[in-house]
């Protein structure tokens, strides 16, 4: 179930790419500096959202692996996370703890996407109000 929720992060990532493209075009054609700043904010949060999308996607695939063989894979998961520098020390974590952690990354991704969309809307409104949209 958690991997299904995390998989929705892929759709958010695609929508985030579209918002970044629109913001990039807006940066080129918007005349008010405030609109350009809003569009630059979109691009900044696009980078954040992309990193979170990658992290969420990895977690989704790891949860699918755990679903196949929960006993032997959970120890290997911690080893991989330590190798990648995402986990400082191996500690005993339950599946519930792992789910909470993965869903926390997904919620951060959703928050970054919402901020990105708000900045895009602000940039479009400012550009439209000044007649450059």
N, C-alpha and C. Protein backbone atom coordinates (compact mmCIF):
# COMPACT_ATOMS: atom_id res chain seq x y z
N UNK A 1 0.81 -1.20 0.00
CA UNK A 1 0.00 0.00 0.00
C UNK A 1 0.86 1.26 0.00
N UNK A 2 1.90 1.28 0.82
CA UNK A 2 2.76 2.46 0.89
C UNK A 2 3.43 2.70 -0.45
N UNK A 3 3.86 1.63 -1.11
CA UNK A 3 4.52 1.83 -2.41
C UNK A 3 3.55 2.42 -3.42
N UNK A 4 2.28 2.11 -3.31
CA UNK A 4 1.28 2.70 -4.22
C UNK A 4 1.16 4.20 -3.99
N UNK A 5 1.14 4.60 -2.73
CA UNK A 5 1.09 6.04 -2.41
C UNK A 5 2.35 6.72 -2.91
N UNK A 6 3.49 6.10 -2.66
CA UNK A 6 4.76 6.68 -3.09
C UNK A 6 4.85 6.77 -4.60
N UNK A 7 4.22 5.84 -5.30
CA UNK A 7 4.23 5.88 -6.77
C UNK A 7 3.54 7.12 -7.31
N UNK A 8 2.62 7.70 -6.54
CA UNK A 8 1.97 8.94 -7.00
C UNK A 8 2.97 10.09 -7.10
N UNK A 9 4.10 9.95 -6.42
CA UNK A 9 5.15 10.95 -6.53
C UNK A 9 5.68 11.08 -7.94
N UNK A 10 5.58 10.02 -8.71
CA UNK A 10 6.02 10.07 -10.11
C UNK A 10 5.16 11.05 -10.91
N UNK A 11 3.85 11.02 -10.67
CA UNK A 11 2.94 11.95 -11.35
C UNK A 11 3.24 13.38 -10.92
N UNK A 12 3.50 13.57 -9.63
CA UNK A 12 3.87 14.91 -9.15
C UNK A 12 5.15 15.39 -9.83
N UNK A 13 6.09 14.49 -10.00
CA UNK A 13 7.35 14.85 -10.66
C UNK A 13 7.13 15.30 -12.09
N UNK A 14 6.27 14.61 -12.81
CA UNK A 14 5.98 14.98 -14.20
C UNK A 14 5.28 16.34 -14.24
N UNK A 15 4.32 16.55 -13.37
CA UNK A 15 3.63 17.85 -13.31
C UNK A 15 4.61 18.95 -12.92
N UNK A 16 5.55 18.63 -12.07
CA UNK A 16 6.57 19.61 -11.67
C UNK A 16 7.44 20.00 -12.85
N UNK A 17 7.77 19.05 -13.71
CA UNK A 17 8.55 19.37 -14.91
C UNK A 17 7.79 20.35 -15.79
N UNK A 18 6.49 20.11 -15.95
CA UNK A 18 5.67 21.01 -16.77
C UNK A 18 5.65 22.41 -16.18
N UNK A 19 5.51 22.50 -14.88
CA UNK A 19 5.51 23.82 -14.22
C UNK A 19 6.84 24.53 -14.42
N UNK A 20 7.94 23.77 -14.37
CA UNK A 20 9.26 24.38 -14.56
C UNK A 20 9.44 24.89 -15.98
N UNK A 21 8.92 24.15 -16.95
CA UNK A 21 9.00 24.61 -18.35
C UNK A 21 8.21 25.91 -18.52
N UNK A 22 7.01 25.94 -17.98
CA UNK A 22 6.19 27.15 -18.07
C UNK A 22 6.90 28.32 -17.39
N UNK A 23 7.51 28.07 -16.23
CA UNK A 23 8.23 29.12 -15.52
C UNK A 23 9.45 29.58 -16.31
N UNK A 24 10.14 28.64 -16.95
CA UNK A 24 11.29 29.03 -17.77
C UNK A 24 10.89 29.95 -18.91
N UNK A 25 9.78 29.64 -19.56
CA UNK A 25 9.27 30.52 -20.62
C UNK A 25 8.86 31.86 -20.03
N UNK A 26 8.23 31.80 -18.86
CA UNK A 26 7.83 33.03 -18.19
C UNK A 26 9.01 33.91 -17.84
N UNK A 27 10.12 33.30 -17.43
CA UNK A 27 11.33 34.09 -17.12
C UNK A 27 11.85 34.81 -18.35
N UNK A 28 11.69 34.19 -19.51
CA UNK A 28 12.17 34.80 -20.74
C UNK A 28 11.29 35.97 -21.19
N UNK A 29 9.98 35.85 -20.99
CA UNK A 29 9.06 36.82 -21.58
C UNK A 29 8.39 37.78 -20.60
N UNK A 30 8.45 37.51 -19.32
CA UNK A 30 7.80 38.41 -18.36
C UNK A 30 8.65 39.66 -18.18
N UNK A 31 7.97 40.80 -18.14
CA UNK A 31 8.70 42.06 -17.98
C UNK A 31 8.83 42.51 -16.53
N UNK A 32 7.81 42.36 -15.71
CA UNK A 32 8.01 42.81 -14.32
C UNK A 32 9.01 41.90 -13.58
N UNK A 33 9.87 42.55 -12.82
CA UNK A 33 10.87 41.79 -12.06
C UNK A 33 10.21 40.87 -11.05
N UNK A 34 9.08 41.27 -10.49
CA UNK A 34 8.41 40.42 -9.50
C UNK A 34 7.92 39.11 -10.13
N UNK A 35 7.46 39.18 -11.37
CA UNK A 35 7.03 37.97 -12.06
C UNK A 35 8.23 37.06 -12.31
N UNK A 36 9.35 37.64 -12.71
CA UNK A 36 10.55 36.84 -12.94
C UNK A 36 11.05 36.19 -11.65
N UNK A 37 10.92 36.91 -10.54
CA UNK A 37 11.32 36.35 -9.25
C UNK A 37 10.42 35.17 -8.90
N UNK A 38 9.12 35.31 -9.13
CA UNK A 38 8.20 34.21 -8.86
C UNK A 38 8.53 33.01 -9.74
N UNK A 39 8.80 33.25 -11.01
CA UNK A 39 9.16 32.16 -11.92
C UNK A 39 10.49 31.51 -11.51
N UNK A 40 11.43 32.32 -11.03
CA UNK A 40 12.70 31.77 -10.54
C UNK A 40 12.45 30.90 -9.31
N UNK A 41 11.50 31.28 -8.48
CA UNK A 41 11.13 30.46 -7.32
C UNK A 41 10.59 29.10 -7.75
N UNK A 42 9.83 29.10 -8.84
CA UNK A 42 9.32 27.84 -9.37
C UNK A 42 10.49 26.93 -9.74
N UNK A 43 11.45 27.48 -10.43
CA UNK A 43 12.60 26.69 -10.87
C UNK A 43 13.42 26.21 -9.67
N UNK A 44 13.57 27.05 -8.65
CA UNK A 44 14.27 26.65 -7.43
C UNK A 44 13.56 25.46 -6.78
N UNK A 45 12.24 25.57 -6.62
CA UNK A 45 11.50 24.47 -5.99
C UNK A 45 11.39 23.25 -6.90
N UNK A 46 11.58 23.46 -8.19
CA UNK A 46 11.61 22.32 -9.11
C UNK A 46 12.81 21.42 -8.78
N UNK A 47 13.96 22.04 -8.50
CA UNK A 47 15.14 21.26 -8.12
C UNK A 47 14.88 20.47 -6.83
N UNK A 48 14.27 21.13 -5.86
CA UNK A 48 13.94 20.45 -4.59
C UNK A 48 12.97 19.31 -4.85
N UNK A 49 11.94 19.58 -5.63
CA UNK A 49 10.92 18.58 -5.92
C UNK A 49 11.52 17.40 -6.68
N UNK A 50 12.44 17.66 -7.59
CA UNK A 50 13.09 16.57 -8.34
C UNK A 50 13.87 15.66 -7.41
N UNK A 51 14.62 16.25 -6.47
CA UNK A 51 15.38 15.44 -5.54
C UNK A 51 14.44 14.60 -4.68
N UNK A 52 13.37 15.21 -4.21
CA UNK A 52 12.40 14.48 -3.39
C UNK A 52 11.70 13.40 -4.21
N UNK A 53 11.45 13.66 -5.50
CA UNK A 53 10.82 12.66 -6.36
C UNK A 53 11.73 11.44 -6.53
N UNK A 54 13.02 11.68 -6.68
CA UNK A 54 13.96 10.57 -6.79
C UNK A 54 13.96 9.77 -5.49
N UNK A 55 14.01 10.45 -4.38
CA UNK A 55 14.02 9.77 -3.08
C UNK A 55 12.73 8.96 -2.87
N UNK A 56 11.60 9.55 -3.22
CA UNK A 56 10.32 8.87 -3.08
C UNK A 56 10.25 7.66 -4.00
N UNK A 57 10.75 7.79 -5.20
CA UNK A 57 10.74 6.69 -6.16
C UNK A 57 11.60 5.52 -5.67
N UNK A 58 12.75 5.84 -5.12
CA UNK A 58 13.61 4.79 -4.57
C UNK A 58 12.91 4.08 -3.42
N UNK A 59 12.28 4.86 -2.53
CA UNK A 59 11.55 4.25 -1.42
C UNK A 59 10.43 3.34 -1.92
N UNK A 60 9.73 3.76 -2.96
CA UNK A 60 8.65 2.93 -3.50
C UNK A 60 9.19 1.60 -3.99
N UNK A 61 10.32 1.63 -4.69
CA UNK A 61 10.89 0.37 -5.18
C UNK A 61 11.40 -0.49 -4.03
N UNK A 62 11.95 0.14 -3.01
CA UNK A 62 12.42 -0.63 -1.86
C UNK A 62 11.26 -1.28 -1.12
N UNK A 63 10.13 -0.61 -1.03
CA UNK A 63 8.96 -1.21 -0.37
C UNK A 63 8.41 -2.37 -1.19
N UNK A 64 8.51 -2.28 -2.50
CA UNK A 64 8.09 -3.42 -3.32
C UNK A 64 9.01 -4.62 -3.07
N UNK A 65 10.31 -4.36 -2.94
CA UNK A 65 11.26 -5.42 -2.61
C UNK A 65 10.94 -6.03 -1.25
N UNK A 66 10.65 -5.20 -0.28
CA UNK A 66 10.31 -5.69 1.05
C UNK A 66 9.05 -6.53 1.04
N UNK A 67 8.10 -6.16 0.20
CA UNK A 67 6.85 -6.92 0.12
C UNK A 67 7.10 -8.34 -0.41
N UNK A 68 8.08 -8.48 -1.28
CA UNK A 68 8.39 -9.80 -1.83
C UNK A 68 9.02 -10.72 -0.79
N UNK A 69 9.93 -10.18 0.01
CA UNK A 69 10.64 -11.00 1.00
C UNK A 69 11.02 -10.14 2.20
N UNK A 70 10.07 -9.90 3.12
CA UNK A 70 10.32 -8.95 4.21
C UNK A 70 11.45 -9.34 5.16
N UNK A 71 11.68 -10.61 5.36
CA UNK A 71 12.68 -11.03 6.35
C UNK A 71 14.11 -10.79 5.88
N UNK A 72 14.43 -11.23 4.70
CA UNK A 72 15.82 -11.15 4.26
C UNK A 72 16.19 -9.79 3.68
N UNK A 73 15.21 -9.03 3.22
CA UNK A 73 15.53 -7.78 2.53
C UNK A 73 15.68 -6.58 3.47
N UNK A 74 15.06 -6.59 4.64
CA UNK A 74 15.11 -5.40 5.49
C UNK A 74 16.52 -5.09 5.96
N UNK A 75 17.32 -6.11 6.27
CA UNK A 75 18.71 -5.87 6.65
C UNK A 75 19.51 -5.32 5.50
N UNK A 76 19.29 -5.83 4.33
CA UNK A 76 19.99 -5.34 3.13
C UNK A 76 19.61 -3.89 2.83
N UNK A 77 18.36 -3.54 3.11
CA UNK A 77 17.90 -2.18 2.89
C UNK A 77 18.72 -1.21 3.74
N UNK A 78 18.91 -1.51 5.00
CA UNK A 78 19.70 -0.64 5.86
C UNK A 78 21.15 -0.57 5.40
N UNK A 79 21.69 -1.68 4.93
CA UNK A 79 23.06 -1.67 4.40
C UNK A 79 23.18 -0.74 3.20
N UNK A 80 22.22 -0.81 2.30
CA UNK A 80 22.23 0.08 1.12
C UNK A 80 22.10 1.54 1.54
N UNK A 81 21.19 1.83 2.46
CA UNK A 81 21.01 3.21 2.90
C UNK A 81 22.27 3.75 3.57
N UNK A 82 22.98 2.91 4.29
CA UNK A 82 24.24 3.34 4.90
C UNK A 82 25.31 3.57 3.84
N UNK A 83 25.38 2.69 2.85
CA UNK A 83 26.35 2.86 1.76
C UNK A 83 26.12 4.17 1.02
N UNK A 84 24.85 4.52 0.82
CA UNK A 84 24.50 5.73 0.08
C UNK A 84 24.58 6.98 0.94
N UNK A 85 24.81 6.82 2.24
CA UNK A 85 24.90 7.97 3.13
C UNK A 85 23.56 8.51 3.59
N UNK A 86 22.50 7.75 3.39
CA UNK A 86 21.16 8.20 3.78
C UNK A 86 20.79 7.75 5.18
N UNK A 87 21.59 6.87 5.74
CA UNK A 87 21.35 6.36 7.09
C UNK A 87 22.71 6.33 7.78
N UNK A 88 22.80 6.94 8.96
CA UNK A 88 24.09 7.04 9.63
C UNK A 88 24.48 5.74 10.32
N UNK A 89 23.54 5.15 11.03
CA UNK A 89 23.83 3.88 11.71
C UNK A 89 22.66 2.93 11.50
N UNK A 90 23.00 1.65 11.45
CA UNK A 90 21.95 0.64 11.32
C UNK A 90 21.27 0.49 12.68
N UNK A 91 19.97 0.52 12.65
CA UNK A 91 19.21 0.32 13.88
C UNK A 91 17.97 -0.49 13.52
N UNK A 92 17.47 -1.16 14.47
CA UNK A 92 16.28 -1.98 14.24
C UNK A 92 15.09 -1.07 14.03
N UNK A 93 14.48 -1.16 12.85
CA UNK A 93 13.29 -0.36 12.55
C UNK A 93 12.19 -1.29 12.09
N UNK A 94 11.01 -1.01 12.58
CA UNK A 94 9.86 -1.82 12.18
C UNK A 94 9.38 -1.36 10.81
N UNK A 95 8.53 -2.15 10.22
CA UNK A 95 7.93 -1.76 8.93
C UNK A 95 7.14 -0.47 9.10
N UNK A 96 6.46 -0.31 10.25
CA UNK A 96 5.71 0.92 10.50
C UNK A 96 6.63 2.14 10.52
N UNK A 97 7.80 2.00 11.16
CA UNK A 97 8.77 3.10 11.18
C UNK A 97 9.25 3.42 9.76
N UNK A 98 9.49 2.40 9.00
CA UNK A 98 9.92 2.60 7.61
C UNK A 98 8.83 3.28 6.79
N UNK A 99 7.59 2.88 7.00
CA UNK A 99 6.46 3.50 6.29
C UNK A 99 6.34 4.97 6.65
N UNK A 100 6.44 5.27 7.95
CA UNK A 100 6.36 6.68 8.38
C UNK A 100 7.47 7.51 7.74
N UNK A 101 8.67 6.97 7.71
CA UNK A 101 9.78 7.71 7.12
C UNK A 101 9.59 7.95 5.63
N UNK A 102 9.15 6.92 4.91
CA UNK A 102 8.94 7.06 3.47
C UNK A 102 7.80 8.03 3.18
N UNK A 103 6.74 7.95 3.96
CA UNK A 103 5.62 8.86 3.74
C UNK A 103 5.98 10.30 4.10
N UNK A 104 6.93 10.45 5.02
CA UNK A 104 7.42 11.80 5.32
C UNK A 104 8.10 12.40 4.08
N UNK A 105 8.91 11.64 3.39
CA UNK A 105 9.55 12.13 2.15
C UNK A 105 8.49 12.47 1.10
N UNK A 106 7.46 11.64 1.00
CA UNK A 106 6.40 11.88 0.03
C UNK A 106 5.65 13.17 0.37
N UNK A 107 5.36 13.39 1.65
CA UNK A 107 4.68 14.64 2.05
C UNK A 107 5.55 15.86 1.76
N UNK A 108 6.86 15.73 1.95
CA UNK A 108 7.76 16.84 1.60
C UNK A 108 7.72 17.10 0.09
N UNK A 109 7.64 16.04 -0.69
CA UNK A 109 7.54 16.20 -2.14
C UNK A 109 6.24 16.92 -2.50
N UNK A 110 5.14 16.54 -1.89
CA UNK A 110 3.86 17.19 -2.15
C UNK A 110 3.94 18.66 -1.76
N UNK A 111 4.54 18.96 -0.61
CA UNK A 111 4.67 20.35 -0.16
C UNK A 111 5.51 21.17 -1.15
N UNK A 112 6.61 20.61 -1.62
CA UNK A 112 7.45 21.32 -2.60
C UNK A 112 6.66 21.58 -3.88
N UNK A 113 5.87 20.61 -4.30
CA UNK A 113 5.06 20.79 -5.51
C UNK A 113 4.00 21.87 -5.31
N UNK A 114 3.37 21.90 -4.16
CA UNK A 114 2.36 22.93 -3.87
C UNK A 114 3.00 24.31 -3.88
N UNK A 115 4.16 24.45 -3.26
CA UNK A 115 4.86 25.73 -3.26
C UNK A 115 5.23 26.13 -4.69
N UNK A 116 5.69 25.16 -5.46
CA UNK A 116 6.04 25.41 -6.86
C UNK A 116 4.82 25.91 -7.64
N UNK A 117 3.68 25.28 -7.44
CA UNK A 117 2.45 25.70 -8.14
C UNK A 117 1.98 27.08 -7.70
N UNK A 118 2.11 27.37 -6.41
CA UNK A 118 1.73 28.70 -5.91
C UNK A 118 2.62 29.79 -6.51
N UNK A 119 3.92 29.52 -6.58
CA UNK A 119 4.84 30.48 -7.19
C UNK A 119 4.53 30.66 -8.67
N UNK A 120 4.19 29.57 -9.36
CA UNK A 120 3.83 29.66 -10.77
C UNK A 120 2.56 30.49 -10.95
N UNK A 121 1.57 30.24 -10.12
CA UNK A 121 0.33 31.02 -10.20
C UNK A 121 0.60 32.49 -9.93
N UNK A 122 1.43 32.78 -8.94
CA UNK A 122 1.76 34.17 -8.64
C UNK A 122 2.46 34.84 -9.82
N UNK A 123 3.41 34.14 -10.41
CA UNK A 123 4.12 34.70 -11.56
C UNK A 123 3.19 34.95 -12.73
N UNK A 124 2.28 34.00 -12.99
CA UNK A 124 1.33 34.18 -14.10
C UNK A 124 0.36 35.32 -13.84
N UNK A 125 -0.10 35.44 -12.61
CA UNK A 125 -1.01 36.54 -12.26
C UNK A 125 -0.31 37.89 -12.39
N UNK A 126 0.90 37.96 -11.88
CA UNK A 126 1.66 39.23 -11.98
C UNK A 126 1.92 39.58 -13.44
N UNK A 127 2.32 38.58 -14.24
CA UNK A 127 2.60 38.83 -15.65
C UNK A 127 1.32 39.24 -16.39
N UNK A 128 0.20 38.58 -16.07
CA UNK A 128 -1.06 38.92 -16.72
C UNK A 128 -1.53 40.32 -16.33
N UNK A 129 -1.33 40.67 -15.07
CA UNK A 129 -1.76 41.99 -14.61
C UNK A 129 -0.95 43.10 -15.27
N UNK A 130 0.29 42.79 -15.64
CA UNK A 130 1.11 43.82 -16.28
C UNK A 130 0.98 43.79 -17.79
N UNK A 131 0.23 42.80 -18.30
CA UNK A 131 0.00 42.73 -19.74
C UNK A 131 1.06 42.01 -20.52
N UNK A 132 1.89 41.17 -19.85
CA UNK A 132 2.95 40.47 -20.57
C UNK A 132 2.68 38.97 -20.70
N UNK A 133 1.51 38.53 -20.32
CA UNK A 133 1.24 37.09 -20.38
C UNK A 133 0.79 36.71 -21.77
